[in-house]
Amino acid sequence: SAEERRRLLSGAVERLVVEAMRLGLEEDEVLNAVSARWAELSGDVAASEPSEVNVDAG
């Protein structure tokens, strides 16, 4: 169910949000980075082209 999926992801999402806030990122920067990575992992080459946001975890 949607509630179960939300519960399973909540810890990972919280860690991502806390780290993004610690780095001073804006919400739209994080969402763009997640969307780009999703596209890369799903093989959507056109959607994974570099955008104005490049968040590097290192």
PDB file of N, CA and C in Angstrom:
ATOM      1  N   SER A   1       0.838  -1.193   0.000  1.00  0.00           N
ATOM      2  CA  SER A   1       0.000   0.000   0.000  1.00  0.00           C
ATOM      3  C   SER A   1       0.880   1.252   0.000  1.00  0.00           C
ATOM      4  N   ALA A   2       0.274   2.359  -0.300  1.00  0.00           N
ATOM      5  CA  ALA A   2       1.009   3.629  -0.309  1.00  0.00           C
ATOM      6  C   ALA A   2       1.558   3.942   1.079  1.00  0.00           C
ATOM      7  N   GLU A   3       0.772   3.669   2.105  1.00  0.00           N
ATOM      8  CA  GLU A   3       1.216   3.930   3.478  1.00  0.00           C
ATOM      9  C   GLU A   3       2.427   3.068   3.831  1.00  0.00           C
ATOM     10  N   GLU A   4       2.421   1.826   3.423  1.00  0.00           N
ATOM     11  CA  GLU A   4       3.542   0.934   3.693  1.00  0.00           C
ATOM     12  C   GLU A   4       4.803   1.401   2.969  1.00  0.00           C
ATOM     13  N   ARG A   5       4.671   1.811   1.724  1.00  0.00           N
ATOM     14  CA  ARG A   5       5.829   2.320   0.973  1.00  0.00           C
ATOM     15  C   ARG A   5       6.371   3.590   1.624  1.00  0.00           C
ATOM     16  N   ARG A   6       5.474   4.460   2.046  1.00  0.00           N
ATOM     17  CA  ARG A   6       5.886   5.702   2.709  1.00  0.00           C
ATOM     18  C   ARG A   6       6.648   5.382   3.997  1.00  0.00           C
ATOM     19  N   ARG A   7       6.147   4.421   4.765  1.00  0.00           N
ATOM     20  CA  ARG A   7       6.791   4.029   6.018  1.00  0.00           C
ATOM     21  C   ARG A   7       8.176   3.437   5.752  1.00  0.00           C
ATOM     22  N   LEU A   8       8.286   2.604   4.735  1.00  0.00           N
ATOM     23  CA  LEU A   8       9.567   1.981   4.412  1.00  0.00           C
ATOM     24  C   LEU A   8      10.619   2.999   3.980  1.00  0.00           C
ATOM     25  N   LEU A   9      10.200   4.058   3.331  1.00  0.00           N
ATOM     26  CA  LEU A   9      11.134   5.075   2.833  1.00  0.00           C
ATOM     27  C   LEU A   9      11.410   6.206   3.821  1.00  0.00           C
ATOM     28  N   SER A  10      10.619   6.320   4.875  1.00  0.00           N
ATOM     29  CA  SER A  10      10.694   7.508   5.726  1.00  0.00           C
ATOM     30  C   SER A  10      12.081   7.742   6.318  1.00  0.00           C
ATOM     31  N   GLY A  11      12.765   6.704   6.765  1.00  0.00           N
ATOM     32  CA  GLY A  11      14.096   6.883   7.348  1.00  0.00           C
ATOM     33  C   GLY A  11      15.101   7.395   6.334  1.00  0.00           C
ATOM     34  N   ALA A  12      15.097   6.799   5.150  1.00  0.00           N
ATOM     35  CA  ALA A  12      16.026   7.221   4.101  1.00  0.00           C
ATOM     36  C   ALA A  12      15.727   8.644   3.651  1.00  0.00           C
ATOM     37  N   VAL A  13      14.453   8.963   3.538  1.00  0.00           N
ATOM     38  CA  VAL A  13      14.066  10.316   3.122  1.00  0.00           C
ATOM     39  C   VAL A  13      14.493  11.324   4.179  1.00  0.00           C
ATOM     40  N   GLU A  14      14.290  10.995   5.447  1.00  0.00           N
ATOM     41  CA  GLU A  14      14.693  11.918   6.507  1.00  0.00           C
ATOM     42  C   GLU A  14      16.197  12.158   6.474  1.00  0.00           C
ATOM     43  N   ARG A  15      16.978  11.108   6.296  1.00  0.00           N
ATOM     44  CA  ARG A  15      18.438  11.280   6.226  1.00  0.00           C
ATOM     45  C   ARG A  15      18.829  12.163   5.047  1.00  0.00           C
ATOM     46  N   LEU A  16      18.188  11.962   3.908  1.00  0.00           N
ATOM     47  CA  LEU A  16      18.471  12.777   2.727  1.00  0.00           C
ATOM     48  C   LEU A  16      18.143  14.246   2.986  1.00  0.00           C
ATOM     49  N   VAL A  17      16.976  14.500   3.560  1.00  0.00           N
ATOM     50  CA  VAL A  17      16.554  15.880   3.821  1.00  0.00           C
ATOM     51  C   VAL A  17      17.475  16.547   4.837  1.00  0.00           C
ATOM     52  N   VAL A  18      17.804  15.848   5.911  1.00  0.00           N
ATOM     53  CA  VAL A  18      18.684  16.422   6.936  1.00  0.00           C
ATOM     54  C   VAL A  18      20.049  16.751   6.342  1.00  0.00           C
ATOM     55  N   GLU A  19      20.604  15.846   5.547  1.00  0.00           N
ATOM     56  CA  GLU A  19      21.914  16.091   4.928  1.00  0.00           C
ATOM     57  C   GLU A  19      21.841  17.254   3.945  1.00  0.00           C
ATOM     58  N   ALA A  20      20.777  17.319   3.162  1.00  0.00           N
ATOM     59  CA  ALA A  20      20.615  18.421   2.212  1.00  0.00           C
ATOM     60  C   ALA A  20      20.524  19.755   2.944  1.00  0.00           C
ATOM     61  N   MET A  21      19.788  19.782   4.041  1.00  0.00           N
ATOM     62  CA  MET A  21      19.676  21.019   4.819  1.00  0.00           C
ATOM     63  C   MET A  21      21.027  21.394   5.420  1.00  0.00           C
ATOM     64  N   ARG A  22      21.763  20.396   5.891  1.00  0.00           N
ATOM     65  CA  ARG A  22      23.089  20.648   6.462  1.00  0.00           C
ATOM     66  C   ARG A  22      24.022  21.263   5.425  1.00  0.00           C
ATOM     67  N   LEU A  23      23.858  20.844   4.178  1.00  0.00           N
ATOM     68  CA  LEU A  23      24.681  21.367   3.087  1.00  0.00           C
ATOM     69  C   LEU A  23      24.176  22.706   2.556  1.00  0.00           C
ATOM     70  N   GLY A  24      23.026  23.153   3.040  1.00  0.00           N
ATOM     71  CA  GLY A  24      22.478  24.431   2.599  1.00  0.00           C
ATOM     72  C   GLY A  24      21.766  24.373   1.262  1.00  0.00           C
ATOM     73  N   LEU A  25      21.330  23.186   0.864  1.00  0.00           N
ATOM     74  CA  LEU A  25      20.645  23.041  -0.420  1.00  0.00           C
ATOM     75  C   LEU A  25      19.189  23.460  -0.310  1.00  0.00           C
ATOM     76  N   GLU A  26      18.644  23.902  -1.410  1.00  0.00           N
ATOM     77  CA  GLU A  26      17.228  24.233  -1.500  1.00  0.00           C
ATOM     78  C   GLU A  26      16.449  22.975  -1.877  1.00  0.00           C
ATOM     79  N   GLU A  27      15.175  22.948  -1.538  1.00  0.00           N
ATOM     80  CA  GLU A  27      14.334  21.791  -1.842  1.00  0.00           C
ATOM     81  C   GLU A  27      14.336  21.463  -3.330  1.00  0.00           C
ATOM     82  N   ASP A  28      14.235  22.489  -4.179  1.00  0.00           N
ATOM     83  CA  ASP A  28      14.193  22.222  -5.621  1.00  0.00           C
ATOM     84  C   ASP A  28      15.505  21.618  -6.123  1.00  0.00           C
ATOM     85  N   GLU A  29      16.631  21.976  -5.512  1.00  0.00           N
ATOM     86  CA  GLU A  29      17.909  21.381  -5.896  1.00  0.00           C
ATOM     87  C   GLU A  29      17.924  19.881  -5.588  1.00  0.00           C
ATOM     88  N   VAL A  30      17.401  19.531  -4.428  1.00  0.00           N
ATOM     89  CA  VAL A  30      17.365  18.122  -4.023  1.00  0.00           C
ATOM     90  C   VAL A  30      16.415  17.344  -4.923  1.00  0.00           C
ATOM     91  N   LEU A  31      15.246  17.905  -5.184  1.00  0.00           N
ATOM     92  CA  LEU A  31      14.274  17.220  -6.041  1.00  0.00           C
ATOM     93  C   LEU A  31      14.821  17.030  -7.451  1.00  0.00           C
ATOM     94  N   ASN A  32      15.505  18.039  -7.980  1.00  0.00           N
ATOM     95  CA  ASN A  32      16.117  17.913  -9.308  1.00  0.00           C
ATOM     96  C   ASN A  32      17.194  16.834  -9.320  1.00  0.00           C
ATOM     97  N   ALA A  33      17.998  16.783  -8.266  1.00  0.00           N
ATOM     98  CA  ALA A  33      19.052  15.774  -8.190  1.00  0.00           C
ATOM     99  C   ALA A  33      18.459  14.372  -8.100  1.00  0.00           C
ATOM    100  N   VAL A  34      17.403  14.214  -7.315  1.00  0.00           N
ATOM    101  CA  VAL A  34      16.743  12.910  -7.198  1.00  0.00           C
ATOM    102  C   VAL A  34      16.135  12.512  -8.539  1.00  0.00           C
ATOM    103  N   SER A  35      15.473  13.440  -9.204  1.00  0.00           N
ATOM    104  CA  SER A  35      14.869  13.142 -10.513  1.00  0.00           C
ATOM    105  C   SER A  35      15.923  12.737 -11.536  1.00  0.00           C
ATOM    106  N   ALA A  36      17.041  13.440 -11.545  1.00  0.00           N
ATOM    107  CA  ALA A  36      18.109  13.120 -12.492  1.00  0.00           C
ATOM    108  C   ALA A  36      18.689  11.741 -12.206  1.00  0.00           C
ATOM    109  N   ARG A  37      18.903  11.439 -10.946  1.00  0.00           N
ATOM    110  CA  ARG A  37      19.465  10.130 -10.589  1.00  0.00           C
ATOM    111  C   ARG A  37      18.480   9.014 -10.914  1.00  0.00           C
ATOM    112  N   TRP A  38      17.191   9.257 -10.651  1.00  0.00           N
ATOM    113  CA  TRP A  38      16.148   8.282 -10.983  1.00  0.00           C
ATOM    114  C   TRP A  38      16.201   7.973 -12.482  1.00  0.00           C
ATOM    115  N   ALA A  39      16.313   9.024 -13.284  1.00  0.00           N
ATOM    116  CA  ALA A  39      16.363   8.854 -14.737  1.00  0.00           C
ATOM    117  C   ALA A  39      17.600   8.062 -15.148  1.00  0.00           C
ATOM    118  N   GLU A  40      18.742   8.362 -14.536  1.00  0.00           N
ATOM    119  CA  GLU A  40      19.970   7.627 -14.847  1.00  0.00           C
ATOM    120  C   GLU A  40      19.816   6.144 -14.538  1.00  0.00           C
ATOM    121  N   LEU A  41      19.285   5.845 -13.379  1.00  0.00           N
ATOM    122  CA  LEU A  41      19.155   4.451 -12.955  1.00  0.00           C
ATOM    123  C   LEU A  41      18.103   3.693 -13.749  1.00  0.00           C
ATOM    124  N   SER A  42      17.104   4.412 -14.259  1.00  0.00           N
ATOM    125  CA  SER A  42      16.053   3.750 -15.028  1.00  0.00           C
ATOM    126  C   SER A  42      16.383   3.695 -16.514  1.00  0.00           C
ATOM    127  N   GLY A  43      17.529   4.285 -16.893  1.00  0.00           N
ATOM    128  CA  GLY A  43      17.959   4.234 -18.284  1.00  0.00           C
ATOM    129  C   GLY A  43      17.363   5.305 -19.166  1.00  0.00           C
ATOM    130  N   ASP A  44      16.759   6.322 -18.590  1.00  0.00           N
ATOM    131  CA  ASP A  44      16.172   7.426 -19.354  1.00  0.00           C
ATOM    132  C   ASP A  44      17.265   8.453 -19.638  1.00  0.00           C
ATOM    133  N   VAL A  45      18.011   8.229 -20.704  1.00  0.00           N
ATOM    134  CA  VAL A  45      19.186   9.045 -21.018  1.00  0.00           C
ATOM    135  C   VAL A  45      18.826  10.507 -21.221  1.00  0.00           C
ATOM    136  N   ALA A  46      17.749  10.793 -21.943  1.00  0.00           N
ATOM    137  CA  ALA A  46      17.364  12.181 -22.219  1.00  0.00           C
ATOM    138  C   ALA A  46      17.071  12.933 -20.930  1.00  0.00           C
ATOM    139  N   ALA A  47      16.371  12.318 -20.012  1.00  0.00           N
ATOM    140  CA  ALA A  47      16.016  12.985 -18.757  1.00  0.00           C
ATOM    141  C   ALA A  47      17.195  13.097 -17.812  1.00  0.00           C
ATOM    142  N   SER A  48      18.234  12.308 -18.027  1.00  0.00           N
ATOM    143  CA  SER A  48      19.368  12.342 -17.112  1.00  0.00           C
ATOM    144  C   SER A  48      20.493  13.250 -17.591  1.00  0.00           C
ATOM    145  N   GLU A  49      20.266  13.981 -18.676  1.00  0.00           N
ATOM    146  CA  GLU A  49      21.266  14.935 -19.153  1.00  0.00           C
ATOM    147  C   GLU A  49      21.548  15.950 -18.054  1.00  0.00           C
ATOM    148  N   PRO A  50      22.767  16.458 -17.991  1.00  0.00           N
ATOM    149  CA  PRO A  50      23.107  17.427 -16.942  1.00  0.00           C
ATOM    150  C   PRO A  50      22.154  18.616 -16.945  1.00  0.00           C
ATOM    151  N   SER A  51      21.775  19.006 -15.747  1.00  0.00           N
ATOM    152  CA  SER A  51      20.905  20.173 -15.595  1.00  0.00           C
ATOM    153  C   SER A  51      21.667  21.243 -14.840  1.00  0.00           C
ATOM    154  N   GLU A  52      20.966  22.299 -14.445  1.00  0.00           N
ATOM    155  CA  GLU A  52      21.637  23.378 -13.742  1.00  0.00           C
ATOM    156  C   GLU A  52      22.055  22.977 -12.340  1.00  0.00           C
ATOM    157  N   VAL A  53      21.524  21.872 -11.824  1.00  0.00           N
ATOM    158  CA  VAL A  53      21.837  21.426 -10.475  1.00  0.00           C
ATOM    159  C   VAL A  53      22.731  20.205 -10.548  1.00  0.00           C
ATOM    160  N   ASN A  54      23.867  20.272  -9.853  1.00  0.00           N
ATOM    161  CA  ASN A  54      24.762  19.130  -9.780  1.00  0.00           C
ATOM    162  C   ASN A  54      25.141  18.938  -8.323  1.00  0.00           C
ATOM    163  N   VAL A  55      24.482  18.005  -7.668  1.00  0.00           N
ATOM    164  CA  VAL A  55      24.736  17.746  -6.256  1.00  0.00           C
ATOM    165  C   VAL A  55      25.691  16.572  -6.168  1.00  0.00           C
ATOM    166  N   ASP A  56      26.853  16.804  -5.568  1.00  0.00           N
ATOM    167  CA  ASP A  56      27.865  15.766  -5.446  1.00  0.00           C
ATOM    168  C   ASP A  56      28.024  15.409  -3.978  1.00  0.00           C
ATOM    169  N   ALA A  57      27.823  14.157  -3.652  1.00  0.00           N
ATOM    170  CA  ALA A  57      27.882  13.716  -2.262  1.00  0.00           C
ATOM    171  C   ALA A  57      29.301  13.743  -1.688  1.00  0.00           C
ATOM    172  N   GLY A  58      30.299  13.916  -2.511  1.00  0.00           N
ATOM    173  CA  GLY A  58      31.680  13.868  -2.018  1.00  0.00           C
ATOM    174  C   GLY A  58      32.198  15.182  -1.809  1.00  0.00           C
TER     175      GLY A  58
END
